[in-house]
Amino acid sequence: MLSIVIPVLNEESSIIQLIEHLNNFAMDASRLEYIIVDGGSRDKTLELLYNYSEAHEEMSIKVISSEKGRGKQLHNGSKEATGDILYFLHADSYPPKNYDQLIIEAFRKGHPAGCFRMKFKSWHPWLIIIGWFTRFSWKASRGGDQSQYITKELYVDIGGYNTQIPIYEDYDLIARLYDRDQYYVIPKWLKTSARRYEEIGVFKLQWFYITIYWRKYRGATIDELYEYYLSKCD
């Protein structure tokens, strides 16, 4: 079974669409388990999920509550998973056709962890370039929007998501996998929303990300990065 863990916070406009995409694009939807981890939504996210789950009893859908914070939500979701492979997916990312089989095939070929290539749902030239670079295996080209599959055994072995850090939780996990040389990029394209870029501005947000990456590279602590993050996002 593939356990799909999705952290949500006020996702009423898209969460059902995502679940239906996952169900329709799977090669074998019967071996999927959905774990939706809510971080305190104040819109109709939970109502929609409960109603959808009741109307689709043939699907394995678990809705759990968690303290807000993507790392905390992802880790809490992992503890509810019964599948041998965990698939961590952001609420605005849509994996390719037969994604479940692609992940299982990658695992059978000796790749216990990895992600997909990524394209933004945007024709902005800079976002096209960013997506193009995700085909490479460089650690700098990785991010949570590309989704993350990992065997449950390996996830437990490396300690899972660090729930004590407020940002960079995806990259922290990915970095530990790269340190073990256990990361694989499946050569198929996932599509993700560009909504944050559209809200803030493409180059403004990209410069923000580059600055955080550079500060981390130069030795900034997580607390220092989070302080910088808050100063720019408030």
Protein backbone atom coordinates (compact mmCIF):
# COMPACT_ATOMS: atom_id res chain seq x y z
CA MET A 1 0.00 0.00 0.00
CA LEU A 2 1.05 3.57 -0.75
CA SER A 3 0.24 5.98 2.09
CA ILE A 4 -0.27 9.50 0.72
CA VAL A 5 0.25 12.13 3.43
CA ILE A 6 -1.09 15.61 2.62
CA PRO A 7 -0.77 18.56 5.05
CA VAL A 8 -3.56 21.10 4.68
CA LEU A 9 -4.49 24.51 6.02
CA ASN A 10 -7.52 26.28 4.52
CA GLU A 11 -7.55 24.31 1.27
CA GLU A 12 -11.31 24.25 0.62
CA SER A 13 -10.86 25.42 -2.97
CA SER A 14 -8.70 22.50 -4.08
CA ILE A 15 -8.44 19.57 -1.66
CA ILE A 16 -11.24 17.48 -3.17
CA GLN A 17 -9.94 18.18 -6.66
CA LEU A 18 -6.54 16.87 -5.55
CA ILE A 19 -7.95 13.67 -4.06
CA GLU A 20 -9.94 12.98 -7.22
CA HIS A 21 -6.83 13.62 -9.32
CA LEU A 22 -4.85 11.17 -7.21
CA ASN A 23 -7.57 8.55 -7.47
CA ASN A 24 -8.06 8.97 -11.22
CA PHE A 25 -4.36 9.13 -12.10
CA ALA A 26 -3.35 6.06 -10.08
CA MET A 27 -2.77 2.77 -11.83
CA ASP A 28 -4.37 0.92 -8.92
CA ALA A 29 -6.36 3.20 -6.62
CA SER A 30 -7.31 0.25 -4.40
CA ARG A 31 -3.81 0.19 -2.90
CA LEU A 32 -3.89 3.87 -1.88
CA GLU A 33 -4.33 5.23 1.62
CA TYR A 34 -5.01 8.97 2.03
CA ILE A 35 -3.95 10.69 5.23
CA ILE A 36 -5.02 14.33 5.31
CA VAL A 37 -3.41 16.25 8.18
CA ASP A 38 -5.16 19.49 9.07
CA GLY A 39 -3.23 22.23 10.82
CA GLY A 40 -6.23 24.20 12.05
CA SER A 41 -8.25 25.16 8.98
CA ARG A 42 -10.90 27.83 9.52
CA ASP A 43 -12.64 27.41 6.18
CA LYS A 44 -14.68 24.43 4.92
CA THR A 45 -11.70 22.12 4.36
CA LEU A 46 -12.65 19.66 7.11
CA GLU A 47 -16.36 19.71 6.29
CA LEU A 48 -15.63 18.92 2.65
CA LEU A 49 -13.24 16.12 3.58
CA TYR A 50 -15.65 14.46 6.03
CA ASN A 51 -18.51 14.64 3.53
CA TYR A 52 -16.34 13.28 0.72
CA SER A 53 -15.05 10.45 2.90
CA GLU A 54 -18.58 9.43 3.90
CA ALA A 55 -19.68 9.47 0.26
CA HIS A 56 -16.70 7.34 -0.84
CA GLU A 57 -16.49 4.54 1.69
CA GLU A 58 -14.57 2.42 -0.81
CA MET A 59 -11.61 4.79 -0.42
CA SER A 60 -9.28 4.74 2.57
CA ILE A 61 -9.31 8.37 3.78
CA LYS A 62 -8.10 9.37 7.21
CA VAL A 63 -8.49 12.96 8.38
CA ILE A 64 -6.46 13.89 11.44
CA SER A 65 -5.71 17.11 13.28
CA SER A 66 -2.26 18.35 14.13
CA GLU A 67 -0.45 21.34 15.50
CA LYS A 68 0.16 23.81 12.66
CA GLY A 69 3.49 23.48 10.88
CA ARG A 70 4.26 21.43 7.79
CA GLY A 71 6.98 19.35 9.45
CA LYS A 72 4.73 18.52 12.40
CA GLN A 73 1.78 17.75 10.13
CA LEU A 74 3.79 15.51 7.82
CA HIS A 75 5.38 13.60 10.69
CA ASN A 76 2.07 13.15 12.52
CA GLY A 77 0.57 11.86 9.30
CA SER A 78 3.39 9.35 8.90
CA LYS A 79 2.55 7.85 12.28
CA GLU A 80 -0.96 7.03 11.03
CA ALA A 81 0.29 5.38 7.84
CA THR A 82 -0.03 1.63 7.33
CA GLY A 83 1.66 1.46 3.92
CA ASP A 84 5.21 0.29 3.25
CA ILE A 85 5.88 3.42 1.21
CA LEU A 86 5.08 6.96 2.36
CA TYR A 87 4.28 9.61 -0.22
CA PHE A 88 4.39 13.17 1.13
CA LEU A 89 2.52 15.57 -1.11
CA HIS A 90 1.77 19.29 -0.89
CA ALA A 91 -1.90 20.21 -1.33
CA ASP A 92 -1.26 22.12 -4.56
CA SER A 93 0.96 19.57 -6.33
CA TYR A 94 -0.43 17.07 -8.84
CA PRO A 95 1.63 13.97 -9.71
CA PRO A 96 1.70 12.39 -13.18
CA LYS A 97 -0.32 9.53 -14.64
CA ASN A 98 0.37 6.18 -12.92
CA TYR A 99 2.41 7.93 -10.22
CA ASP A 100 1.79 5.06 -7.81
CA GLN A 101 3.27 2.49 -10.16
CA LEU A 102 6.19 4.79 -10.98
CA ILE A 103 7.04 5.07 -7.29
CA ILE A 104 6.76 1.31 -6.75
CA GLU A 105 8.95 0.62 -9.80
CA ALA A 106 11.58 3.07 -8.53
CA PHE A 107 11.59 1.28 -5.18
CA ARG A 108 11.93 -2.13 -6.84
CA LYS A 109 14.93 -0.85 -8.80
CA GLY A 110 16.71 -0.04 -5.56
CA HIS A 111 15.67 3.57 -4.98
CA PRO A 112 14.05 3.78 -1.52
CA ALA A 113 13.48 7.55 -1.65
CA GLY A 114 13.02 10.29 -4.21
CA CYS A 115 10.69 12.64 -6.02
CA PHE A 116 9.35 13.64 -9.44
CA ARG A 117 10.51 16.35 -11.77
CA MET A 118 8.34 19.46 -11.47
CA LYS A 119 6.62 22.01 -13.67
CA PHE A 120 4.78 25.08 -12.46
CA LYS A 121 1.27 25.75 -13.73
CA SER A 122 2.53 28.97 -15.27
CA TRP A 123 4.01 30.22 -18.51
CA HIS A 124 6.25 32.73 -16.77
CA PRO A 125 9.74 32.26 -18.34
CA TRP A 126 11.56 32.18 -15.01
CA LEU A 127 9.27 29.53 -13.56
CA ILE A 128 9.71 27.44 -16.70
CA ILE A 129 13.48 27.63 -16.18
CA ILE A 130 13.19 26.63 -12.52
CA GLY A 131 11.10 23.63 -13.48
CA TRP A 132 13.52 22.62 -16.23
CA PHE A 133 16.36 22.33 -13.72
CA THR A 134 14.46 19.82 -11.59
CA ARG A 135 15.41 17.10 -14.07
CA PHE A 136 18.91 17.10 -12.63
CA SER A 137 19.97 15.16 -9.55
CA TRP A 138 21.56 18.16 -7.81
CA LYS A 139 20.48 18.69 -4.22
CA ALA A 140 20.03 22.41 -4.95
CA SER A 141 17.27 21.51 -7.42
CA ARG A 142 15.15 19.76 -4.82
CA GLY A 143 12.16 21.00 -2.85
CA GLY A 144 8.97 19.86 -1.16
CA ASP A 145 6.76 20.90 -4.08
CA GLN A 146 8.24 18.01 -6.08
CA SER A 147 6.67 15.61 -3.53
CA GLN A 148 8.62 13.02 -1.58
CA TYR A 149 8.34 9.26 -1.54
CA ILE A 150 10.28 7.20 0.98
CA THR A 151 9.95 3.72 2.40
CA LYS A 152 8.59 3.68 5.91
CA GLU A 153 11.62 1.71 7.04
CA LEU A 154 14.04 4.34 5.75
CA TYR A 155 11.91 7.18 7.08
CA VAL A 156 12.08 5.74 10.58
CA ASP A 157 15.79 4.98 10.22
CA ILE A 158 16.73 8.58 9.40
CA GLY A 159 14.47 10.01 12.09
CA GLY A 160 11.69 11.39 9.89
CA TYR A 161 10.83 15.06 9.61
CA ASN A 162 12.39 17.31 12.20
CA THR A 163 9.35 18.68 14.01
CA GLN A 164 11.45 21.18 15.97
CA ILE A 165 12.33 23.41 13.02
CA PRO A 166 9.76 25.97 11.79
CA ILE A 167 10.96 26.14 8.16
CA TYR A 168 13.04 24.13 5.68
CA GLU A 169 11.59 20.84 6.93
CA ASP A 170 11.45 19.35 3.42
CA TYR A 171 15.00 20.32 2.54
CA ASP A 172 16.27 19.09 5.91
CA LEU A 173 14.88 15.61 5.20
CA ILE A 174 16.13 15.65 1.62
CA ALA A 175 19.63 16.69 2.73
CA ARG A 176 19.83 13.70 5.08
CA LEU A 177 18.85 11.38 2.24
CA TYR A 178 21.47 12.93 -0.05
CA ASP A 179 24.07 12.42 2.67
CA ARG A 180 23.28 8.71 2.41
CA ASP A 181 23.26 8.79 -1.38
CA GLN A 182 19.69 7.53 -1.32
CA TYR A 183 17.77 9.92 -3.55
CA TYR A 184 16.28 9.37 -6.98
CA VAL A 185 14.46 11.71 -9.35
CA ILE A 186 11.74 9.86 -11.25
CA PRO A 187 11.87 11.14 -14.89
CA LYS A 188 8.21 12.13 -15.03
CA TRP A 189 6.65 15.53 -14.46
CA LEU A 190 4.57 16.63 -11.51
CA LYS A 191 2.68 19.91 -11.84
CA THR A 192 2.42 22.39 -9.00
CA SER A 193 0.64 25.68 -8.42
CA ALA A 194 2.49 28.98 -8.85
CA ARG A 195 0.04 30.76 -6.56
CA ARG A 196 2.66 31.94 -4.06
CA TYR A 197 4.77 33.39 -6.86
CA GLU A 198 1.70 35.07 -8.30
CA GLU A 199 0.73 36.54 -4.91
CA ILE A 200 4.17 37.89 -3.98
CA GLY A 201 5.85 38.36 -7.35
CA VAL A 202 8.06 35.87 -9.20
CA PHE A 203 11.43 37.60 -8.86
CA LYS A 204 10.75 38.96 -5.39
CA LEU A 205 9.91 35.51 -4.04
CA GLN A 206 12.77 33.85 -5.91
CA TRP A 207 15.25 36.33 -4.46
CA PHE A 208 13.82 35.58 -1.03
CA TYR A 209 14.40 31.84 -1.52
CA ILE A 210 17.91 32.38 -2.88
CA THR A 211 18.76 34.57 0.11
CA ILE A 212 17.56 31.92 2.56
CA TYR A 213 19.54 29.23 0.72
CA TRP A 214 22.67 31.40 0.69
CA ARG A 215 22.36 32.26 4.38
CA LYS A 216 21.96 28.60 5.23
CA TYR A 217 24.98 27.74 3.09
CA ARG A 218 26.99 30.36 4.97
CA GLY A 219 26.10 28.76 8.30
CA ALA A 220 23.00 30.58 9.52
CA THR A 221 21.04 28.70 12.16
CA ILE A 222 17.42 27.66 11.67
CA ASP A 223 16.38 30.29 14.22
CA GLU A 224 18.21 33.00 12.27
CA LEU A 225 16.62 31.85 9.01
CA TYR A 226 13.18 31.80 10.63
CA GLU A 227 13.68 35.32 11.99
CA TYR A 228 14.58 36.49 8.49
CA TYR A 229 11.58 34.62 7.08
CA LEU A 230 9.20 36.30 9.51
CA SER A 231 10.69 39.74 8.83
CA LYS A 232 9.93 39.38 5.14
CA CYS A 233 6.59 37.57 5.35
CA ASP A 234 4.83 39.66 7.97
